[in-house]
Amino acid sequence: MPETKKDKIQAVIIAARVIAEDKELREYTDIEALGLAIREYDAAPAESCQAKYEGEPTFTLVGRDRLSTKVLSHWLYLAEQAGVTEPGPRMNSEKFDDACRVLDAFREWQMQNPDKVKLPD
């Protein structure tokens, strides 16, 4: 899957924000560690939620978005109704399971950071 320069820059910015907000990660903000993070990102296998084709549109949710958990919950409901959790030639439950983990992480983050949760800008 080809990645654009914009995609890579966005990933670095997101990682930098996570580091800046997490006290335990701040010790890893040196250039060598950032370089390692970029190399690991470049080497990581493509996730199923990333664009598969050049120019394919994507939509990103963030934990601070008050509506994100509702969107994820509804997507999981629709996926379940479509049979994503059932084994079959076209269906793969990995994406469903990953979305469940993301939803749990979003909920946990929102509970721990109520002052940062807001409606989208």
PDB file of N, CA and C in Angstrom:
ATOM      1  N   MET A   1       0.853  -1.179   0.000  1.00  0.00           N
ATOM      2  CA  MET A   1       0.000   0.000   0.000  1.00  0.00           C
ATOM      3  C   MET A   1       0.897   1.241   0.000  1.00  0.00           C
ATOM      4  N   PRO A   2       0.793   2.053  -1.028  1.00  0.00           N
ATOM      5  CA  PRO A   2       1.597   3.271  -1.015  1.00  0.00           C
ATOM      6  C   PRO A   2       1.071   4.282  -0.009  1.00  0.00           C
ATOM      7  N   GLU A   3       1.990   4.900   0.704  1.00  0.00           N
ATOM      8  CA  GLU A   3       1.626   5.940   1.657  1.00  0.00           C
ATOM      9  C   GLU A   3       2.132   7.267   1.140  1.00  0.00           C
ATOM     10  N   THR A   4       1.344   8.269   1.305  1.00  0.00           N
ATOM     11  CA  THR A   4       1.768   9.585   0.872  1.00  0.00           C
ATOM     12  C   THR A   4       2.627  10.227   1.947  1.00  0.00           C
ATOM     13  N   LYS A   5       3.368  11.237   1.550  1.00  0.00           N
ATOM     14  CA  LYS A   5       4.185  11.990   2.507  1.00  0.00           C
ATOM     15  C   LYS A   5       3.293  12.605   3.578  1.00  0.00           C
ATOM     16  N   LYS A   6       2.112  13.066   3.174  1.00  0.00           N
ATOM     17  CA  LYS A   6       1.167  13.662   4.130  1.00  0.00           C
ATOM     18  C   LYS A   6       0.770  12.654   5.206  1.00  0.00           C
ATOM     19  N   ASP A   7       0.541  11.394   4.807  1.00  0.00           N
ATOM     20  CA  ASP A   7       0.175  10.348   5.777  1.00  0.00           C
ATOM     21  C   ASP A   7       1.281  10.150   6.810  1.00  0.00           C
ATOM     22  N   LYS A   8       2.534  10.129   6.339  1.00  0.00           N
ATOM     23  CA  LYS A   8       3.656   9.920   7.250  1.00  0.00           C
ATOM     24  C   LYS A   8       3.826  11.109   8.200  1.00  0.00           C
ATOM     25  N   ILE A   9       3.687  12.299   7.662  1.00  0.00           N
ATOM     26  CA  ILE A   9       3.800  13.496   8.505  1.00  0.00           C
ATOM     27  C   ILE A   9       2.701  13.497   9.553  1.00  0.00           C
ATOM     28  N   GLN A  10       1.480  13.143   9.147  1.00  0.00           N
ATOM     29  CA  GLN A  10       0.366  13.100  10.089  1.00  0.00           C
ATOM     30  C   GLN A  10       0.653  12.104  11.213  1.00  0.00           C
ATOM     31  N   ALA A  11       1.209  10.947  10.877  1.00  0.00           N
ATOM     32  CA  ALA A  11       1.524   9.944  11.899  1.00  0.00           C
ATOM     33  C   ALA A  11       2.560  10.467  12.879  1.00  0.00           C
ATOM     34  N   VAL A  12       3.563  11.167  12.383  1.00  0.00           N
ATOM     35  CA  VAL A  12       4.594  11.724  13.261  1.00  0.00           C
ATOM     36  C   VAL A  12       3.999  12.783  14.180  1.00  0.00           C
ATOM     37  N   ILE A  13       3.130  13.616  13.635  1.00  0.00           N
ATOM     38  CA  ILE A  13       2.490  14.653  14.453  1.00  0.00           C
ATOM     39  C   ILE A  13       1.641  14.015  15.550  1.00  0.00           C
ATOM     40  N   ILE A  14       0.889  12.998  15.195  1.00  0.00           N
ATOM     41  CA  ILE A  14       0.052  12.312  16.194  1.00  0.00           C
ATOM     42  C   ILE A  14       0.945  11.712  17.281  1.00  0.00           C
ATOM     43  N   ALA A  15       2.035  11.045  16.878  1.00  0.00           N
ATOM     44  CA  ALA A  15       2.948  10.452  17.862  1.00  0.00           C
ATOM     45  C   ALA A  15       3.556  11.521  18.752  1.00  0.00           C
ATOM     46  N   ALA A  16       3.927  12.654  18.180  1.00  0.00           N
ATOM     47  CA  ALA A  16       4.508  13.739  18.971  1.00  0.00           C
ATOM     48  C   ALA A  16       3.511  14.261  19.996  1.00  0.00           C
ATOM     49  N   ARG A  17       2.258  14.365  19.598  1.00  0.00           N
ATOM     50  CA  ARG A  17       1.230  14.833  20.537  1.00  0.00           C
ATOM     51  C   ARG A  17       1.049  13.838  21.677  1.00  0.00           C
ATOM     52  N   VAL A  18       1.069  12.552  21.361  1.00  0.00           N
ATOM     53  CA  VAL A  18       0.931  11.529  22.404  1.00  0.00           C
ATOM     54  C   VAL A  18       2.093  11.640  23.378  1.00  0.00           C
ATOM     55  N   ILE A  19       3.301  11.783  22.852  1.00  0.00           N
ATOM     56  CA  ILE A  19       4.487  11.906  23.705  1.00  0.00           C
ATOM     57  C   ILE A  19       4.371  13.142  24.590  1.00  0.00           C
ATOM     58  N   ALA A  20       3.941  14.258  24.006  1.00  0.00           N
ATOM     59  CA  ALA A  20       3.849  15.513  24.758  1.00  0.00           C
ATOM     60  C   ALA A  20       2.833  15.426  25.889  1.00  0.00           C
ATOM     61  N   GLU A  21       1.791  14.612  25.712  1.00  0.00           N
ATOM     62  CA  GLU A  21       0.736  14.523  26.722  1.00  0.00           C
ATOM     63  C   GLU A  21       0.963  13.408  27.736  1.00  0.00           C
ATOM     64  N   ASP A  22       1.899  12.503  27.487  1.00  0.00           N
ATOM     65  CA  ASP A  22       2.118  11.359  28.363  1.00  0.00           C
ATOM     66  C   ASP A  22       3.440  11.518  29.112  1.00  0.00           C
ATOM     67  N   LYS A  23       3.367  11.701  30.413  1.00  0.00           N
ATOM     68  CA  LYS A  23       4.565  11.933  31.229  1.00  0.00           C
ATOM     69  C   LYS A  23       5.571  10.793  31.116  1.00  0.00           C
ATOM     70  N   GLU A  24       5.083   9.556  31.040  1.00  0.00           N
ATOM     71  CA  GLU A  24       5.993   8.417  30.959  1.00  0.00           C
ATOM     72  C   GLU A  24       6.723   8.370  29.623  1.00  0.00           C
ATOM     73  N   LEU A  25       6.120   8.888  28.569  1.00  0.00           N
ATOM     74  CA  LEU A  25       6.752   8.852  27.251  1.00  0.00           C
ATOM     75  C   LEU A  25       7.701  10.018  27.013  1.00  0.00           C
ATOM     76  N   ARG A  26       7.623  11.047  27.820  1.00  0.00           N
ATOM     77  CA  ARG A  26       8.458  12.231  27.591  1.00  0.00           C
ATOM     78  C   ARG A  26       9.943  11.920  27.610  1.00  0.00           C
ATOM     79  N   GLU A  27      10.340  10.892  28.350  1.00  0.00           N
ATOM     80  CA  GLU A  27      11.757  10.571  28.411  1.00  0.00           C
ATOM     81  C   GLU A  27      12.278  10.040  27.072  1.00  0.00           C
ATOM     82  N   TYR A  28      11.386   9.695  26.160  1.00  0.00           N
ATOM     83  CA  TYR A  28      11.792   9.153  24.865  1.00  0.00           C
ATOM     84  C   TYR A  28      11.679  10.182  23.741  1.00  0.00           C
ATOM     85  N   THR A  29      11.825  11.440  24.047  1.00  0.00           N
ATOM     86  CA  THR A  29      11.623  12.471  23.032  1.00  0.00           C
ATOM     87  C   THR A  29      12.901  12.867  22.308  1.00  0.00           C
ATOM     88  N   ASP A  30      14.007  12.190  22.562  1.00  0.00           N
ATOM     89  CA  ASP A  30      15.236  12.550  21.862  1.00  0.00           C
ATOM     90  C   ASP A  30      15.139  12.146  20.389  1.00  0.00           C
ATOM     91  N   ILE A  31      16.019  12.692  19.582  1.00  0.00           N
ATOM     92  CA  ILE A  31      15.980  12.475  18.140  1.00  0.00           C
ATOM     93  C   ILE A  31      16.145  11.006  17.778  1.00  0.00           C
ATOM     94  N   GLU A  32      17.015  10.302  18.485  1.00  0.00           N
ATOM     95  CA  GLU A  32      17.234   8.888  18.194  1.00  0.00           C
ATOM     96  C   GLU A  32      15.938   8.091  18.394  1.00  0.00           C
ATOM     97  N   ALA A  33      15.239   8.367  19.493  1.00  0.00           N
ATOM     98  CA  ALA A  33      13.987   7.666  19.764  1.00  0.00           C
ATOM     99  C   ALA A  33      12.925   8.025  18.729  1.00  0.00           C
ATOM    100  N   LEU A  34      12.875   9.288  18.338  1.00  0.00           N
ATOM    101  CA  LEU A  34      11.910   9.689  17.319  1.00  0.00           C
ATOM    102  C   LEU A  34      12.227   9.000  15.996  1.00  0.00           C
ATOM    103  N   GLY A  35      13.516   8.913  15.656  1.00  0.00           N
ATOM    104  CA  GLY A  35      13.919   8.201  14.439  1.00  0.00           C
ATOM    105  C   GLY A  35      13.514   6.740  14.487  1.00  0.00           C
ATOM    106  N   LEU A  36      13.693   6.103  15.639  1.00  0.00           N
ATOM    107  CA  LEU A  36      13.285   4.713  15.808  1.00  0.00           C
ATOM    108  C   LEU A  36      11.780   4.573  15.627  1.00  0.00           C
ATOM    109  N   ALA A  37      11.018   5.507  16.217  1.00  0.00           N
ATOM    110  CA  ALA A  37       9.558   5.454  16.086  1.00  0.00           C
ATOM    111  C   ALA A  37       9.139   5.571  14.623  1.00  0.00           C
ATOM    112  N   ILE A  38       9.814   6.441  13.884  1.00  0.00           N
ATOM    113  CA  ILE A  38       9.486   6.606  12.463  1.00  0.00           C
ATOM    114  C   ILE A  38       9.828   5.331  11.691  1.00  0.00           C
ATOM    115  N   ARG A  39      10.982   4.736  11.987  1.00  0.00           N
ATOM    116  CA  ARG A  39      11.364   3.493  11.291  1.00  0.00           C
ATOM    117  C   ARG A  39      10.386   2.367  11.614  1.00  0.00           C
ATOM    118  N   GLU A  40       9.963   2.280  12.871  1.00  0.00           N
ATOM    119  CA  GLU A  40       8.987   1.255  13.248  1.00  0.00           C
ATOM    120  C   GLU A  40       7.658   1.492  12.555  1.00  0.00           C
ATOM    121  N   TYR A  41       7.264   2.749  12.458  1.00  0.00           N
ATOM    122  CA  TYR A  41       6.018   3.080  11.760  1.00  0.00           C
ATOM    123  C   TYR A  41       6.119   2.673  10.293  1.00  0.00           C
ATOM    124  N   ASP A  42       7.246   2.988   9.658  1.00  0.00           N
ATOM    125  CA  ASP A  42       7.424   2.651   8.249  1.00  0.00           C
ATOM    126  C   ASP A  42       7.435   1.144   8.027  1.00  0.00           C
ATOM    127  N   ALA A  43       7.963   0.386   8.998  1.00  0.00           N
ATOM    128  CA  ALA A  43       8.065  -1.062   8.856  1.00  0.00           C
ATOM    129  C   ALA A  43       6.795  -1.797   9.255  1.00  0.00           C
ATOM    130  N   ALA A  44       5.905  -1.120   9.939  1.00  0.00           N
ATOM    131  CA  ALA A  44       4.695  -1.776  10.440  1.00  0.00           C
ATOM    132  C   ALA A  44       3.804  -2.204   9.285  1.00  0.00           C
ATOM    133  N   PRO A  45       3.141  -3.356   9.421  1.00  0.00           N
ATOM    134  CA  PRO A  45       2.219  -3.780   8.364  1.00  0.00           C
ATOM    135  C   PRO A  45       1.035  -2.823   8.280  1.00  0.00           C
ATOM    136  N   ALA A  46       0.497  -2.689   7.104  1.00  0.00           N
ATOM    137  CA  ALA A  46      -0.652  -1.789   6.896  1.00  0.00           C
ATOM    138  C   ALA A  46      -1.847  -2.305   7.679  1.00  0.00           C
ATOM    139  N   GLU A  47      -2.473  -1.443   8.419  1.00  0.00           N
ATOM    140  CA  GLU A  47      -3.679  -1.802   9.151  1.00  0.00           C
ATOM    141  C   GLU A  47      -4.860  -1.786   8.197  1.00  0.00           C
ATOM    142  N   SER A  48      -5.869  -2.556   8.492  1.00  0.00           N
ATOM    143  CA  SER A  48      -7.015  -2.648   7.597  1.00  0.00           C
ATOM    144  C   SER A  48      -7.816  -1.352   7.535  1.00  0.00           C
ATOM    145  N   CYS A  49      -7.626  -0.464   8.505  1.00  0.00           N
ATOM    146  CA  CYS A  49      -8.378   0.789   8.508  1.00  0.00           C
ATOM    147  C   CYS A  49      -7.655   1.908   7.770  1.00  0.00           C
ATOM    148  N   GLN A  50      -6.464   1.650   7.258  1.00  0.00           N
ATOM    149  CA  GLN A  50      -5.762   2.649   6.477  1.00  0.00           C
ATOM    150  C   GLN A  50      -6.177   2.500   5.017  1.00  0.00           C
ATOM    151  N   ALA A  51      -5.955   3.558   4.245  1.00  0.00           N
ATOM    152  CA  ALA A  51      -6.279   3.507   2.829  1.00  0.00           C
ATOM    153  C   ALA A  51      -5.494   2.377   2.175  1.00  0.00           C
ATOM    154  N   LYS A  52      -6.166   1.591   1.384  1.00  0.00           N
ATOM    155  CA  LYS A  52      -5.526   0.484   0.698  1.00  0.00           C
ATOM    156  C   LYS A  52      -5.063   0.906  -0.693  1.00  0.00           C
ATOM    157  N   TYR A  53      -5.744   1.865  -1.260  1.00  0.00           N
ATOM    158  CA  TYR A  53      -5.467   2.293  -2.625  1.00  0.00           C
ATOM    159  C   TYR A  53      -5.056   3.761  -2.649  1.00  0.00           C
ATOM    160  N   GLU A  54      -4.186   4.104  -3.564  1.00  0.00           N
ATOM    161  CA  GLU A  54      -3.744   5.483  -3.735  1.00  0.00           C
ATOM    162  C   GLU A  54      -4.954   6.372  -3.984  1.00  0.00           C
ATOM    163  N   GLY A  55      -5.069   7.436  -3.201  1.00  0.00           N
ATOM    164  CA  GLY A  55      -6.172   8.377  -3.362  1.00  0.00           C
ATOM    165  C   GLY A  55      -7.466   7.984  -2.672  1.00  0.00           C
ATOM    166  N   GLU A  56      -7.466   6.820  -2.014  1.00  0.00           N
ATOM    167  CA  GLU A  56      -8.687   6.379  -1.317  1.00  0.00           C
ATOM    168  C   GLU A  56      -8.942   7.283  -0.113  1.00  0.00           C
ATOM    169  N   PRO A  57     -10.157   7.839   0.006  1.00  0.00           N
ATOM    170  CA  PRO A  57     -10.438   8.704   1.153  1.00  0.00           C
ATOM    171  C   PRO A  57     -10.503   7.909   2.461  1.00  0.00           C
ATOM    172  N   THR A  58     -10.117   8.558   3.551  1.00  0.00           N
ATOM    173  CA  THR A  58     -10.224   7.957   4.880  1.00  0.00           C
ATOM    174  C   THR A  58     -10.845   8.984   5.827  1.00  0.00           C
ATOM    175  N   PHE A  59     -11.261   8.525   6.988  1.00  0.00           N
ATOM    176  CA  PHE A  59     -11.848   9.393   7.998  1.00  0.00           C
ATOM    177  C   PHE A  59     -11.275   8.967   9.333  1.00  0.00           C
ATOM    178  N   THR A  60     -10.750   9.904  10.095  1.00  0.00           N
ATOM    179  CA  THR A  60     -10.089   9.602  11.362  1.00  0.00           C
ATOM    180  C   THR A  60     -10.903  10.132  12.531  1.00  0.00           C
ATOM    181  N   LEU A  61     -11.064   9.296  13.548  1.00  0.00           N
ATOM    182  CA  LEU A  61     -11.701   9.707  14.795  1.00  0.00           C
ATOM    183  C   LEU A  61     -10.623   9.833  15.861  1.00  0.00           C
ATOM    184  N   VAL A  62     -10.825  10.729  16.797  1.00  0.00           N
ATOM    185  CA  VAL A  62      -9.899  10.885  17.914  1.00  0.00           C
ATOM    186  C   VAL A  62     -10.678  10.753  19.226  1.00  0.00           C
ATOM    187  N   GLY A  63      -9.956  10.344  20.258  1.00  0.00           N
ATOM    188  CA  GLY A  63     -10.584  10.111  21.553  1.00  0.00           C
ATOM    189  C   GLY A  63     -11.232  11.334  22.167  1.00  0.00           C
ATOM    190  N   ARG A  64     -10.727  12.528  21.862  1.00  0.00           N
ATOM    191  CA  ARG A  64     -11.291  13.732  22.477  1.00  0.00           C
ATOM    192  C   ARG A  64     -12.658  14.103  21.881  1.00  0.00           C
ATOM    193  N   ASP A  65     -12.988  13.522  20.735  1.00  0.00           N
ATOM    194  CA  ASP A  65     -14.270  13.799  20.079  1.00  0.00           C
ATOM    195  C   ASP A  65     -15.387  13.116  20.867  1.00  0.00           C
ATOM    196  N   ARG A  66     -16.263  13.902  21.441  1.00  0.00           N
ATOM    197  CA  ARG A  66     -17.350  13.376  22.255  1.00  0.00           C
ATOM    198  C   ARG A  66     -18.220  12.383  21.479  1.00  0.00           C
ATOM    199  N   LEU A  67     -18.300  12.549  20.165  1.00  0.00           N
ATOM    200  CA  LEU A  67     -19.159  11.697  19.339  1.00  0.00           C
ATOM    201  C   LEU A  67     -18.458  10.418  18.877  1.00  0.00           C
ATOM    202  N   SER A  68     -17.152  10.310  19.081  1.00  0.00           N
ATOM    203  CA  SER A  68     -16.393   9.187  18.540  1.00  0.00           C
ATOM    204  C   SER A  68     -16.882   7.832  19.057  1.00  0.00           C
ATOM    205  N   THR A  69     -17.203   7.744  20.331  1.00  0.00           N
ATOM    206  CA  THR A  69     -17.646   6.452  20.871  1.00  0.00           C
ATOM    207  C   THR A  69     -19.007   6.059  20.294  1.00  0.00           C
ATOM    208  N   LYS A  70     -19.850   7.037  20.027  1.00  0.00           N
ATOM    209  CA  LYS A  70     -21.156   6.733  19.418  1.00  0.00           C
ATOM    210  C   LYS A  70     -20.981   6.253  17.989  1.00  0.00           C
ATOM    211  N   VAL A  71     -20.065   6.894  17.258  1.00  0.00           N
ATOM    212  CA  VAL A  71     -19.807   6.489  15.873  1.00  0.00           C
ATOM    213  C   VAL A  71     -19.239   5.077  15.845  1.00  0.00           C
ATOM    214  N   LEU A  72     -18.250   4.794  16.686  1.00  0.00           N
ATOM    215  CA  LEU A  72     -17.666   3.459  16.734  1.00  0.00           C
ATOM    216  C   LEU A  72     -18.689   2.407  17.151  1.00  0.00           C
ATOM    217  N   SER A  73     -19.503   2.726  18.140  1.00  0.00           N
ATOM    218  CA  SER A  73     -20.534   1.780  18.594  1.00  0.00           C
ATOM    219  C   SER A  73     -21.507   1.459  17.469  1.00  0.00           C
ATOM    220  N   HIS A  74     -21.916   2.481  16.749  1.00  0.00           N
ATOM    221  CA  HIS A  74     -22.865   2.270  15.644  1.00  0.00           C
ATOM    222  C   HIS A  74     -22.214   1.481  14.506  1.00  0.00           C
ATOM    223  N   TRP A  75     -20.939   1.767  14.202  1.00  0.00           N
ATOM    224  CA  TRP A  75     -20.235   1.013  13.170  1.00  0.00           C
ATOM    225  C   TRP A  75     -20.150  -0.464  13.569  1.00  0.00           C
ATOM    226  N   LEU A  76     -19.841  -0.726  14.843  1.00  0.00           N
ATOM    227  CA  LEU A  76     -19.772  -2.110  15.319  1.00  0.00           C
ATOM    228  C   LEU A  76     -21.126  -2.799  15.204  1.00  0.00           C
ATOM    229  N   TYR A  77     -22.187  -2.091  15.544  1.00  0.00           N
ATOM    230  CA  TYR A  77     -23.535  -2.653  15.410  1.00  0.00           C
ATOM    231  C   TYR A  77     -23.818  -3.017  13.956  1.00  0.00           C
ATOM    232  N   LEU A  78     -23.553  -2.088  13.036  1.00  0.00           N
ATOM    233  CA  LEU A  78     -23.809  -2.334  11.613  1.00  0.00           C
ATOM    234  C   LEU A  78     -22.937  -3.474  11.081  1.00  0.00           C
ATOM    235  N   ALA A  79     -21.671  -3.514  11.518  1.00  0.00           N
ATOM    236  CA  ALA A  79     -20.776  -4.584  11.081  1.00  0.00           C
ATOM    237  C   ALA A  79     -21.283  -5.939  11.568  1.00  0.00           C
ATOM    238  N   GLU A  80     -21.746  -5.977  12.801  1.00  0.00           N
ATOM    239  CA  GLU A  80     -22.276  -7.225  13.351  1.00  0.00           C
ATOM    240  C   GLU A  80     -23.516  -7.672  12.585  1.00  0.00           C
ATOM    241  N   GLN A  81     -24.396  -6.722  12.271  1.00  0.00           N
ATOM    242  CA  GLN A  81     -25.606  -7.040  11.499  1.00  0.00           C
ATOM    243  C   GLN A  81     -25.267  -7.562  10.102  1.00  0.00           C
ATOM    244  N   ALA A  82     -24.152  -7.085   9.547  1.00  0.00           N
ATOM    245  CA  ALA A  82     -23.726  -7.513   8.212  1.00  0.00           C
ATOM    246  C   ALA A  82     -22.965  -8.843   8.248  1.00  0.00           C
ATOM    247  N   GLY A  83     -22.720  -9.362   9.432  1.00  0.00           N
ATOM    248  CA  GLY A  83     -22.079 -10.662   9.552  1.00  0.00           C
ATOM    249  C   GLY A  83     -20.570 -10.635   9.667  1.00  0.00           C
ATOM    250  N   VAL A  84     -20.002  -9.506  10.018  1.00  0.00           N
ATOM    251  CA  VAL A  84     -18.541  -9.413  10.107  1.00  0.00           C
ATOM    252  C   VAL A  84     -17.983 -10.356  11.168  1.00  0.00           C
ATOM    253  N   THR A  85     -18.733 -10.624  12.197  1.00  0.00           N
ATOM    254  CA  THR A  85     -18.222 -11.493  13.259  1.00  0.00           C
ATOM    255  C   THR A  85     -18.366 -12.967  12.918  1.00  0.00           C
ATOM    256  N   GLU A  86     -19.067 -13.278  11.840  1.00  0.00           N
ATOM    257  CA  GLU A  86     -19.253 -14.669  11.429  1.00  0.00           C
ATOM    258  C   GLU A  86     -18.128 -15.063  10.468  1.00  0.00           C
ATOM    259  N   PRO A  87     -17.633 -16.279  10.576  1.00  0.00           N
ATOM    260  CA  PRO A  87     -16.592 -16.693   9.633  1.00  0.00           C
ATOM    261  C   PRO A  87     -17.166 -16.809   8.226  1.00  0.00           C
ATOM    262  N   GLY A  88     -16.363 -16.502   7.256  1.00  0.00           N
ATOM    263  CA  GLY A  88     -16.803 -16.604   5.867  1.00  0.00           C
ATOM    264  C   GLY A  88     -15.705 -16.147   4.931  1.00  0.00           C
ATOM    265  N   PRO A  89     -15.896 -16.364   3.638  1.00  0.00           N
ATOM    266  CA  PRO A  89     -14.832 -16.051   2.686  1.00  0.00           C
ATOM    267  C   PRO A  89     -14.499 -14.564   2.588  1.00  0.00           C
ATOM    268  N   ARG A  90     -15.449 -13.673   2.821  1.00  0.00           N
ATOM    269  CA  ARG A  90     -15.195 -12.245   2.685  1.00  0.00           C
ATOM    270  C   ARG A  90     -15.114 -11.539   4.026  1.00  0.00           C
ATOM    271  N   MET A  91     -15.533 -12.172   5.071  1.00  0.00           N
ATOM    272  CA  MET A  91     -15.601 -11.507   6.362  1.00  0.00           C
ATOM    273  C   MET A  91     -14.394 -11.879   7.210  1.00  0.00           C
ATOM    274  N   ASN A  92     -13.891 -10.895   7.925  1.00  0.00           N
ATOM    275  CA  ASN A  92     -12.755 -11.105   8.809  1.00  0.00           C
ATOM    276  C   ASN A  92     -13.065 -10.405  10.124  1.00  0.00           C
ATOM    277  N   SER A  93     -13.037 -11.146  11.202  1.00  0.00           N
ATOM    278  CA  SER A  93     -13.406 -10.565  12.493  1.00  0.00           C
ATOM    279  C   SER A  93     -12.282  -9.746  13.117  1.00  0.00           C
ATOM    280  N   GLU A  94     -11.072  -9.759  12.538  1.00  0.00           N
ATOM    281  CA  GLU A  94      -9.968  -8.981  13.107  1.00  0.00           C
ATOM    282  C   GLU A  94     -10.296  -7.498  13.171  1.00  0.00           C
ATOM    283  N   LYS A  95     -10.858  -6.976  12.104  1.00  0.00           N
ATOM    284  CA  LYS A  95     -11.192  -5.551  12.059  1.00  0.00           C
ATOM    285  C   LYS A  95     -12.259  -5.241  13.109  1.00  0.00           C
ATOM    286  N   PHE A  96     -13.222  -6.126  13.252  1.00  0.00           N
ATOM    287  CA  PHE A  96     -14.277  -5.956  14.254  1.00  0.00           C
ATOM    288  C   PHE A  96     -13.671  -5.967  15.651  1.00  0.00           C
ATOM    289  N   ASP A  97     -12.809  -6.944  15.918  1.00  0.00           N
ATOM    290  CA  ASP A  97     -12.168  -7.046  17.232  1.00  0.00           C
ATOM    291  C   ASP A  97     -11.300  -5.824  17.525  1.00  0.00           C
ATOM    292  N   ASP A  98     -10.587  -5.341  16.496  1.00  0.00           N
ATOM    293  CA  ASP A  98      -9.761  -4.149  16.656  1.00  0.00           C
ATOM    294  C   ASP A  98     -10.633  -2.943  16.987  1.00  0.00           C
ATOM    295  N   ALA A  99     -11.762  -2.806  16.304  1.00  0.00           N
ATOM    296  CA  ALA A  99     -12.673  -1.683  16.572  1.00  0.00           C
ATOM    297  C   ALA A  99     -13.221  -1.758  18.001  1.00  0.00           C
ATOM    298  N   CYS A 100     -13.466  -2.961  18.500  1.00  0.00           N
ATOM    299  CA  CYS A 100     -13.912  -3.122  19.895  1.00  0.00           C
ATOM    300  C   CYS A 100     -12.840  -2.635  20.864  1.00  0.00           C
ATOM    301  N   ARG A 101     -11.580  -2.974  20.589  1.00  0.00           N
ATOM    302  CA  ARG A 101     -10.478  -2.523  21.451  1.00  0.00           C
ATOM    303  C   ARG A 101     -10.333  -0.996  21.395  1.00  0.00           C
ATOM    304  N   VAL A 102     -10.460  -0.440  20.190  1.00  0.00           N
ATOM    305  CA  VAL A 102     -10.366   1.009  20.045  1.00  0.00           C
ATOM    306  C   VAL A 102     -11.491   1.690  20.812  1.00  0.00           C
ATOM    307  N   LEU A 103     -12.695   1.160  20.707  1.00  0.00           N
ATOM    308  CA  LEU A 103     -13.827   1.734  21.429  1.00  0.00           C
ATOM    309  C   LEU A 103     -13.573   1.708  22.931  1.00  0.00           C
ATOM    310  N   ASP A 104     -13.083   0.594  23.439  1.00  0.00           N
ATOM    311  CA  ASP A 104     -12.764   0.508  24.871  1.00  0.00           C
ATOM    312  C   ASP A 104     -11.704   1.543  25.263  1.00  0.00           C
ATOM    313  N   ALA A 105     -10.683   1.689  24.417  1.00  0.00           N
ATOM    314  CA  ALA A 105      -9.620   2.659  24.699  1.00  0.00           C
ATOM    315  C   ALA A 105     -10.163   4.089  24.673  1.00  0.00           C
ATOM    316  N   PHE A 106     -11.036   4.399  23.709  1.00  0.00           N
ATOM    317  CA  PHE A 106     -11.638   5.727  23.636  1.00  0.00           C
ATOM    318  C   PHE A 106     -12.459   6.003  24.887  1.00  0.00           C
ATOM    319  N   ARG A 107     -13.254   5.041  25.293  1.00  0.00           N
ATOM    320  CA  ARG A 107     -14.096   5.224  26.489  1.00  0.00           C
ATOM    321  C   ARG A 107     -13.238   5.450  27.729  1.00  0.00           C
ATOM    322  N   GLU A 108     -12.211   4.641  27.869  1.00  0.00           N
ATOM    323  CA  GLU A 108     -11.319   4.770  29.025  1.00  0.00           C
ATOM    324  C   GLU A 108     -10.637   6.139  29.031  1.00  0.00           C
ATOM    325  N   TRP A 109     -10.119   6.563  27.866  1.00  0.00           N
ATOM    326  CA  TRP A 109      -9.446   7.850  27.772  1.00  0.00           C
ATOM    327  C   TRP A 109     -10.410   8.982  28.101  1.00  0.00           C
ATOM    328  N   GLN A 110     -11.628   8.901  27.603  1.00  0.00           N
ATOM    329  CA  GLN A 110     -12.608   9.948  27.875  1.00  0.00           C
ATOM    330  C   GLN A 110     -12.966  10.011  29.360  1.00  0.00           C
ATOM    331  N   MET A 111     -13.053   8.855  30.009  1.00  0.00           N
ATOM    332  CA  MET A 111     -13.346   8.858  31.446  1.00  0.00           C
ATOM    333  C   MET A 111     -12.193   9.465  32.238  1.00  0.00           C
ATOM    334  N   GLN A 112     -10.964   9.233  31.796  1.00  0.00           N
ATOM    335  CA  GLN A 112      -9.798   9.757  32.503  1.00  0.00           C
ATOM    336  C   GLN A 112      -9.488  11.208  32.152  1.00  0.00           C
ATOM    337  N   ASN A 113     -10.068  11.712  31.068  1.00  0.00           N
ATOM    338  CA  ASN A 113      -9.772  13.070  30.598  1.00  0.00           C
ATOM    339  C   ASN A 113     -11.040  13.843  30.263  1.00  0.00           C
ATOM    340  N   PRO A 114     -11.992  13.925  31.179  1.00  0.00           N
ATOM    341  CA  PRO A 114     -13.266  14.582  30.852  1.00  0.00           C
ATOM    342  C   PRO A 114     -13.110  16.048  30.452  1.00  0.00           C
ATOM    343  N   ASP A 115     -12.059  16.694  30.933  1.00  0.00           N
ATOM    344  CA  ASP A 115     -11.837  18.109  30.597  1.00  0.00           C
ATOM    345  C   ASP A 115     -11.364  18.306  29.158  1.00  0.00           C
ATOM    346  N   LYS A 116     -10.919  17.229  28.507  1.00  0.00           N
ATOM    347  CA  LYS A 116     -10.422  17.327  27.132  1.00  0.00           C
ATOM    348  C   LYS A 116     -11.452  16.854  26.104  1.00  0.00           C
ATOM    349  N   VAL A 117     -12.520  16.248  26.575  1.00  0.00           N
ATOM    350  CA  VAL A 117     -13.534  15.706  25.661  1.00  0.00           C
ATOM    351  C   VAL A 117     -14.465  16.827  25.238  1.00  0.00           C
ATOM    352  N   LYS A 118     -14.679  16.940  23.928  1.00  0.00           N
ATOM    353  CA  LYS A 118     -15.499  18.038  23.422  1.00  0.00           C
ATOM    354  C   LYS A 118     -16.140  17.635  22.099  1.00  0.00           C
ATOM    355  N   LEU A 119     -17.080  18.463  21.672  1.00  0.00           N
ATOM    356  CA  LEU A 119     -17.654  18.254  20.337  1.00  0.00           C
ATOM    357  C   LEU A 119     -16.617  18.639  19.294  1.00  0.00           C
ATOM    358  N   PRO A 120     -16.697  18.059  18.093  1.00  0.00           N
ATOM    359  CA  PRO A 120     -15.701  18.385  17.070  1.00  0.00           C
ATOM    360  C   PRO A 120     -15.720  19.869  16.717  1.00  0.00           C
ATOM    361  N   ASP A 121     -14.541  20.372  16.361  1.00  0.00           N
ATOM    362  CA  ASP A 121     -14.434  21.765  15.929  1.00  0.00           C
ATOM    363  C   ASP A 121     -14.997  21.928  14.530  1.00  0.00           C
TER     364      ASP A 121
END
